[in-house]
Amino acid sequence: MKNPVWFLPAVLTLAGLALCAQTPAANPKPANSAAMKTWFIRIVPPRPTFDKDATAPEQALMDAHYVYWKDLFAKGVCVFGGPVLDPRGVYGVLAVEAATEDEARALAAGDPSVKAGLIRTEVAEMRAVFLHKAN
C-alpha cells in the first residue's frame, strides 16, 4: 500500500460503530420493554398507628424494606414509592414495572418486611398515564 491514509477514516468509522454497539445507553430499556406493565403495590402495615409506635425490631425491618425498594428504584424496576400520610393510618404505595402479575407479586414478596410477616401487600395492574420524564 502506497498511501494508507484513505484507509484510516473507514477504520475509525467501523471502530466507532463497534464501540457504540457495546456501550450501554444512559437509560437502557429492558429488551422486552414492550411487554412491561406497571403494577401498583399497596403496603399494608400491621396497625393504623404503626408509623408512631413501631418497635425497634419492626423499625429494623422497615429499614431493610427501604433499602430493598431503593435498590429496585435504582435499577429502574420501581417507578415510585413512599408513604401515604392518611390521618386514618399511614400506608405505603409503590409502582413497579414487571411483565406479569406474578413477577410483580414476587417483587412484593421479596420485601424483607413482607418475608418477616410484618406487613402485607396488595398488587393490582395500573396504567401509568402521567409520568415525569428524566432530565
Protein backbone atom coordinates (compact mmCIF):
# COMPACT_ATOMS: atom_id res chain seq x y z
CA MET A 1 0.00 0.00 0.00
CA LYS A 2 1.49 3.27 -1.09
CA ASN A 3 -0.93 5.65 0.68
CA PRO A 4 -2.84 4.11 3.67
CA VAL A 5 -4.42 7.48 4.61
CA TRP A 6 -7.65 6.67 2.73
CA PHE A 7 -7.98 3.56 4.91
CA LEU A 8 -7.92 5.45 8.26
CA PRO A 9 -11.41 7.10 8.08
CA ALA A 10 -13.03 3.75 7.29
CA VAL A 11 -11.27 2.03 10.20
CA LEU A 12 -12.20 4.83 12.59
CA THR A 13 -15.84 4.72 11.47
CA LEU A 14 -16.04 0.96 11.95
CA ALA A 15 -14.33 1.20 15.35
CA GLY A 16 -16.80 3.91 16.42
CA LEU A 17 -19.76 1.79 15.35
CA ALA A 18 -18.38 -1.18 17.26
CA LEU A 19 -17.93 0.92 20.40
CA CYS A 20 -21.44 2.33 20.14
CA ALA A 21 -22.85 -1.16 19.83
CA GLN A 22 -21.02 -2.22 23.02
CA THR A 23 -21.67 0.92 25.09
CA PRO A 24 -24.92 0.75 27.09
CA ALA A 25 -27.37 3.62 26.69
CA ALA A 26 -27.77 6.12 29.53
CA ASN A 27 -31.24 4.75 30.35
CA PRO A 28 -31.47 1.35 28.72
CA LYS A 29 -34.90 -0.24 28.48
CA PRO A 30 -35.17 -3.97 29.03
CA ALA A 31 -35.23 -5.98 25.81
CA ASN A 32 -38.86 -6.91 26.49
CA SER A 33 -39.92 -3.38 27.46
CA ALA A 34 -42.93 -3.56 25.14
CA ALA A 35 -44.28 -6.37 27.32
CA MET A 36 -43.68 -4.48 30.57
CA LYS A 37 -46.69 -3.31 32.55
CA THR A 38 -46.99 -1.07 35.58
CA TRP A 39 -48.21 -2.59 38.84
CA PHE A 40 -49.46 -0.73 41.91
CA ILE A 41 -48.44 -2.20 45.24
CA ARG A 42 -50.16 -1.11 48.43
CA ILE A 43 -48.16 -1.69 51.61
CA VAL A 44 -50.49 -2.54 54.47
CA PRO A 45 -48.93 -2.01 57.91
CA PRO A 46 -49.78 -4.20 60.90
CA ARG A 47 -51.81 -1.44 62.61
CA PRO A 48 -53.03 2.11 61.88
CA THR A 49 -50.60 3.63 64.40
CA PHE A 50 -47.55 1.78 63.06
CA ASP A 51 -45.74 4.95 61.95
CA LYS A 52 -45.90 6.27 65.52
CA ASP A 53 -45.33 3.15 67.63
CA ALA A 54 -43.11 0.76 65.68
CA THR A 55 -40.86 -1.26 67.95
CA ALA A 56 -37.09 -1.35 67.42
CA PRO A 57 -37.24 -4.77 65.65
CA GLU A 58 -40.12 -3.52 63.47
CA GLN A 59 -38.15 -0.39 62.60
CA ALA A 60 -35.14 -2.52 61.67
CA LEU A 61 -37.37 -4.46 59.25
CA MET A 62 -38.70 -1.22 57.81
CA ASP A 63 -35.13 -0.01 57.31
CA ALA A 64 -34.46 -3.21 55.33
CA HIS A 65 -37.75 -2.59 53.44
CA TYR A 66 -36.47 0.87 52.46
CA VAL A 67 -33.10 -0.47 51.26
CA TYR A 68 -34.82 -3.20 49.23
CA TRP A 69 -37.09 -0.78 47.36
CA LYS A 70 -34.39 1.86 46.98
CA ASP A 71 -32.24 -0.72 45.19
CA LEU A 72 -35.13 -1.66 42.88
CA PHE A 73 -35.70 2.04 42.20
CA ALA A 74 -32.02 2.47 41.29
CA LYS A 75 -32.36 -0.48 38.89
CA GLY A 76 -35.38 1.13 37.22
CA VAL A 77 -37.83 -1.56 38.38
CA CYS A 78 -39.59 0.63 40.95
CA VAL A 79 -41.15 3.67 39.29
CA PHE A 80 -42.06 5.50 42.50
CA GLY A 81 -42.87 4.76 46.10
CA GLY A 82 -43.44 6.23 49.53
CA PRO A 83 -45.77 6.58 52.48
CA VAL A 84 -49.28 7.99 52.23
CA LEU A 85 -49.89 10.18 55.28
CA ASP A 86 -53.57 9.36 55.69
CA PRO A 87 -54.86 10.62 59.08
CA ARG A 88 -56.76 7.33 59.46
CA GLY A 89 -53.48 5.43 59.23
CA VAL A 90 -50.30 5.69 57.20
CA TYR A 91 -49.75 3.11 54.46
CA GLY A 92 -47.27 2.77 51.63
CA VAL A 93 -47.60 2.76 47.86
CA LEU A 94 -45.23 1.64 45.15
CA ALA A 95 -45.39 1.33 41.39
CA VAL A 96 -43.20 -1.23 39.68
CA GLU A 97 -42.64 -2.36 36.13
CA ALA A 98 -42.98 -6.09 35.50
CA ALA A 99 -44.15 -8.22 32.61
CA THR A 100 -46.67 -10.21 34.63
CA GLU A 101 -48.67 -10.03 37.82
CA ASP A 102 -46.69 -13.00 39.16
CA GLU A 103 -43.45 -11.03 38.66
CA ALA A 104 -44.93 -8.00 40.45
CA ARG A 105 -46.13 -10.20 43.31
CA ALA A 106 -42.68 -11.78 43.53
CA LEU A 107 -41.13 -8.31 43.87
CA ALA A 108 -43.55 -7.51 46.69
CA ALA A 109 -42.92 -10.88 48.33
CA GLY A 110 -39.17 -10.25 48.24
CA ASP A 111 -39.53 -7.28 50.60
CA PRO A 112 -37.83 -8.24 53.90
CA SER A 113 -40.73 -6.83 55.94
CA VAL A 114 -43.16 -8.99 53.95
CA LYS A 115 -40.96 -12.08 54.33
CA ALA A 116 -40.95 -11.50 58.09
CA GLY A 117 -44.74 -11.22 58.17
CA LEU A 118 -44.70 -7.65 59.44
CA ILE A 119 -46.55 -6.07 56.54
CA ARG A 120 -48.73 -7.40 53.76
CA THR A 121 -49.16 -6.19 50.21
CA GLU A 122 -51.91 -5.81 47.66
CA VAL A 123 -51.00 -5.81 43.95
CA ALA A 124 -53.03 -4.53 41.01
CA GLU A 125 -52.23 -3.56 37.45
CA MET A 126 -52.31 0.16 36.78
CA ARG A 127 -51.97 2.26 33.70
CA ALA A 128 -49.41 4.94 34.43
CA VAL A 129 -50.56 7.81 32.23
CA PHE A 130 -48.80 10.81 33.75
CA LEU A 131 -45.11 10.28 34.46
CA HIS A 132 -42.31 12.81 34.66
CA LYS A 133 -39.54 12.20 32.19
CA ALA A 134 -35.97 12.03 33.46
CA ASN A 135 -34.00 15.19 32.67
